[in-house]
Amino acid sequence: MKPELLVKYLAQSLVQQPDAVKVTTVDKGRTIVLELSVAPDDMGRVIGRQGRIANAIRAVVKSATSNSRKKYVVDIL
């Protein structure tokens, strides 16, 4: 599964407005940034208390892309 689709699937599973979830990919050489944007009302659901859910999403993406030569970073906008 592509990392963009993985982030989108995880975010849509958490929020109340799944249609507002957007993931854009920014290639910065050896690093690929996955920018996640959700509806303002759902921002707390994606970040979680003390950023635990956001860190869990980042850990899943890191694990899923460990075979890749590029580094994937998830940014929540």
N, C-alpha and C. Protein backbone atom coordinates (compact mmCIF):
# COMPACT_ATOMS: atom_id res chain seq x y z
N MET A 1 0.85 -1.18 0.00
CA MET A 1 0.00 0.00 0.00
C MET A 1 0.89 1.24 0.00
N LYS A 2 0.51 2.22 -0.78
CA LYS A 2 1.26 3.47 -0.83
C LYS A 2 1.11 4.20 0.50
N PRO A 3 2.16 4.88 0.93
CA PRO A 3 2.09 5.61 2.21
C PRO A 3 0.99 6.68 2.23
N GLU A 4 0.75 7.33 1.08
CA GLU A 4 -0.29 8.36 1.03
C GLU A 4 -1.66 7.75 1.32
N LEU A 5 -1.90 6.60 0.72
CA LEU A 5 -3.19 5.93 0.93
C LEU A 5 -3.33 5.41 2.36
N LEU A 6 -2.22 4.98 2.93
CA LEU A 6 -2.23 4.51 4.31
C LEU A 6 -2.59 5.63 5.27
N VAL A 7 -1.98 6.80 5.10
CA VAL A 7 -2.27 7.95 5.96
C VAL A 7 -3.72 8.39 5.78
N LYS A 8 -4.18 8.40 4.53
CA LYS A 8 -5.56 8.81 4.27
C LYS A 8 -6.54 7.83 4.92
N TYR A 9 -6.28 6.55 4.80
CA TYR A 9 -7.16 5.53 5.40
C TYR A 9 -7.20 5.67 6.93
N LEU A 10 -6.03 5.84 7.54
CA LEU A 10 -5.99 5.98 9.00
C LEU A 10 -6.74 7.23 9.45
N ALA A 11 -6.53 8.34 8.75
CA ALA A 11 -7.17 9.60 9.13
C ALA A 11 -8.68 9.51 8.93
N GLN A 12 -9.13 8.92 7.82
CA GLN A 12 -10.56 8.81 7.58
C GLN A 12 -11.25 7.92 8.61
N SER A 13 -10.50 6.99 9.16
CA SER A 13 -11.07 6.11 10.18
C SER A 13 -11.28 6.84 11.51
N LEU A 14 -10.55 7.93 11.72
CA LEU A 14 -10.60 8.65 12.98
C LEU A 14 -11.60 9.80 13.01
N VAL A 15 -11.82 10.44 11.87
CA VAL A 15 -12.56 11.70 11.84
C VAL A 15 -14.05 11.49 11.60
N GLN A 16 -14.83 12.55 11.83
CA GLN A 16 -16.26 12.51 11.56
C GLN A 16 -16.59 12.99 10.16
N GLN A 17 -15.67 13.72 9.53
CA GLN A 17 -15.87 14.20 8.17
C GLN A 17 -14.80 13.61 7.27
N PRO A 18 -14.95 12.34 6.87
CA PRO A 18 -13.90 11.69 6.08
C PRO A 18 -13.69 12.29 4.70
N ASP A 19 -14.70 12.99 4.17
CA ASP A 19 -14.53 13.61 2.85
C ASP A 19 -13.58 14.79 2.89
N ALA A 20 -13.35 15.37 4.05
CA ALA A 20 -12.47 16.54 4.18
C ALA A 20 -11.00 16.16 4.32
N VAL A 21 -10.70 14.87 4.42
CA VAL A 21 -9.31 14.42 4.59
C VAL A 21 -8.58 14.51 3.26
N LYS A 22 -7.43 15.19 3.27
CA LYS A 22 -6.60 15.31 2.07
C LYS A 22 -5.15 15.05 2.43
N VAL A 23 -4.48 14.29 1.59
CA VAL A 23 -3.06 14.01 1.78
C VAL A 23 -2.33 14.44 0.52
N THR A 24 -1.38 15.35 0.67
CA THR A 24 -0.57 15.77 -0.46
C THR A 24 0.87 15.33 -0.22
N THR A 25 1.56 15.04 -1.30
CA THR A 25 2.93 14.55 -1.23
C THR A 25 3.87 15.62 -1.73
N VAL A 26 4.90 15.92 -0.95
CA VAL A 26 5.92 16.90 -1.33
C VAL A 26 7.26 16.18 -1.32
N ASP A 27 7.91 16.13 -2.47
CA ASP A 27 9.20 15.45 -2.60
C ASP A 27 10.31 16.46 -2.35
N LYS A 28 11.13 16.20 -1.34
CA LYS A 28 12.24 17.08 -0.99
C LYS A 28 13.56 16.31 -1.07
N GLY A 29 13.81 15.70 -2.21
CA GLY A 29 15.06 14.95 -2.37
C GLY A 29 14.97 13.58 -1.73
N ARG A 30 15.71 13.39 -0.66
CA ARG A 30 15.72 12.09 0.02
C ARG A 30 14.57 11.93 1.00
N THR A 31 13.81 12.99 1.21
CA THR A 31 12.69 12.97 2.14
C THR A 31 11.40 13.26 1.40
N ILE A 32 10.37 12.51 1.72
CA ILE A 32 9.04 12.75 1.17
C ILE A 32 8.14 13.15 2.32
N VAL A 33 7.52 14.32 2.19
CA VAL A 33 6.64 14.84 3.24
C VAL A 33 5.20 14.57 2.83
N LEU A 34 4.47 13.90 3.71
CA LEU A 34 3.05 13.66 3.51
C LEU A 34 2.29 14.66 4.36
N GLU A 35 1.64 15.62 3.70
CA GLU A 35 0.92 16.67 4.41
C GLU A 35 -0.54 16.27 4.55
N LEU A 36 -0.97 16.10 5.79
CA LEU A 36 -2.33 15.68 6.09
C LEU A 36 -3.14 16.88 6.54
N SER A 37 -4.28 17.10 5.88
CA SER A 37 -5.18 18.16 6.31
C SER A 37 -6.58 17.56 6.52
N VAL A 38 -7.21 17.99 7.60
CA VAL A 38 -8.56 17.53 7.95
C VAL A 38 -9.40 18.75 8.28
N ALA A 39 -10.68 18.54 8.49
CA ALA A 39 -11.58 19.62 8.88
C ALA A 39 -11.15 20.16 10.24
N PRO A 40 -11.32 21.46 10.47
CA PRO A 40 -10.91 22.04 11.76
C PRO A 40 -11.53 21.36 12.98
N ASP A 41 -12.76 20.89 12.86
CA ASP A 41 -13.42 20.22 13.99
C ASP A 41 -12.79 18.87 14.30
N ASP A 42 -12.14 18.25 13.32
CA ASP A 42 -11.56 16.92 13.50
C ASP A 42 -10.07 16.96 13.85
N MET A 43 -9.50 18.13 13.94
CA MET A 43 -8.06 18.23 14.20
C MET A 43 -7.66 17.55 15.51
N GLY A 44 -8.45 17.72 16.54
CA GLY A 44 -8.16 17.09 17.83
C GLY A 44 -8.21 15.58 17.78
N ARG A 45 -9.06 15.04 16.95
CA ARG A 45 -9.17 13.59 16.81
C ARG A 45 -7.93 13.01 16.15
N VAL A 46 -7.35 13.74 15.23
CA VAL A 46 -6.17 13.25 14.52
C VAL A 46 -4.90 13.43 15.36
N ILE A 47 -4.85 14.50 16.14
CA ILE A 47 -3.66 14.75 16.95
C ILE A 47 -3.70 13.92 18.24
N GLY A 48 -4.84 13.90 18.90
CA GLY A 48 -4.97 13.12 20.13
C GLY A 48 -4.38 13.84 21.33
N ARG A 49 -4.56 13.25 22.48
CA ARG A 49 -4.02 13.85 23.71
C ARG A 49 -2.51 13.75 23.70
N GLN A 50 -1.89 14.89 23.90
CA GLN A 50 -0.43 15.00 23.93
C GLN A 50 0.21 14.45 22.65
N GLY A 51 -0.55 14.46 21.54
CA GLY A 51 -0.01 14.04 20.25
C GLY A 51 0.17 12.55 20.09
N ARG A 52 -0.49 11.77 20.90
CA ARG A 52 -0.29 10.32 20.86
C ARG A 52 -0.78 9.69 19.56
N ILE A 53 -1.94 10.12 19.06
CA ILE A 53 -2.45 9.55 17.82
C ILE A 53 -1.58 9.98 16.64
N ALA A 54 -1.17 11.24 16.63
CA ALA A 54 -0.28 11.72 15.56
C ALA A 54 1.02 10.93 15.56
N ASN A 55 1.58 10.69 16.73
CA ASN A 55 2.81 9.90 16.82
C ASN A 55 2.59 8.46 16.38
N ALA A 56 1.42 7.92 16.67
CA ALA A 56 1.11 6.55 16.25
C ALA A 56 1.01 6.47 14.73
N ILE A 57 0.39 7.47 14.10
CA ILE A 57 0.31 7.50 12.64
C ILE A 57 1.70 7.58 12.04
N ARG A 58 2.55 8.42 12.62
CA ARG A 58 3.93 8.54 12.13
C ARG A 58 4.69 7.23 12.29
N ALA A 59 4.47 6.53 13.40
CA ALA A 59 5.15 5.25 13.63
C ALA A 59 4.71 4.19 12.62
N VAL A 60 3.42 4.16 12.31
CA VAL A 60 2.92 3.19 11.33
C VAL A 60 3.50 3.48 9.95
N VAL A 61 3.56 4.74 9.57
CA VAL A 61 4.12 5.10 8.27
C VAL A 61 5.61 4.78 8.23
N LYS A 62 6.31 5.05 9.31
CA LYS A 62 7.74 4.74 9.37
C LYS A 62 7.98 3.24 9.22
N SER A 63 7.16 2.46 9.89
CA SER A 63 7.30 1.01 9.81
C SER A 63 6.95 0.50 8.41
N ALA A 64 5.91 1.06 7.80
CA ALA A 64 5.48 0.61 6.48
C ALA A 64 6.47 0.98 5.38
N THR A 65 7.25 2.03 5.61
CA THR A 65 8.19 2.49 4.58
C THR A 65 9.64 2.19 4.95
N SER A 66 9.86 1.28 5.86
CA SER A 66 11.23 1.00 6.30
C SER A 66 12.08 0.39 5.19
N ASN A 67 11.47 -0.26 4.22
CA ASN A 67 12.22 -0.85 3.12
C ASN A 67 12.60 0.18 2.06
N SER A 68 11.97 1.33 2.09
CA SER A 68 12.20 2.36 1.08
C SER A 68 13.53 3.07 1.31
N ARG A 69 14.09 3.54 0.24
CA ARG A 69 15.35 4.30 0.33
C ARG A 69 15.10 5.74 0.79
N LYS A 70 13.88 6.19 0.66
CA LYS A 70 13.54 7.55 1.06
C LYS A 70 12.91 7.56 2.45
N LYS A 71 13.03 8.69 3.11
CA LYS A 71 12.45 8.88 4.43
C LYS A 71 11.10 9.56 4.27
N TYR A 72 10.08 9.02 4.93
CA TYR A 72 8.74 9.59 4.87
C TYR A 72 8.44 10.30 6.19
N VAL A 73 7.91 11.52 6.07
CA VAL A 73 7.56 12.33 7.23
C VAL A 73 6.09 12.74 7.09
N VAL A 74 5.34 12.63 8.18
CA VAL A 74 3.93 13.03 8.17
C VAL A 74 3.81 14.36 8.90
N ASP A 75 3.26 15.35 8.19
CA ASP A 75 2.98 16.66 8.78
C ASP A 75 1.48 16.87 8.80
N ILE A 76 0.96 17.31 9.93
CA ILE A 76 -0.46 17.59 10.05
C ILE A 76 -0.64 19.10 9.97
N LEU A 77 -1.38 19.54 8.96
CA LEU A 77 -1.55 20.98 8.73
C LEU A 77 -2.76 21.52 9.44
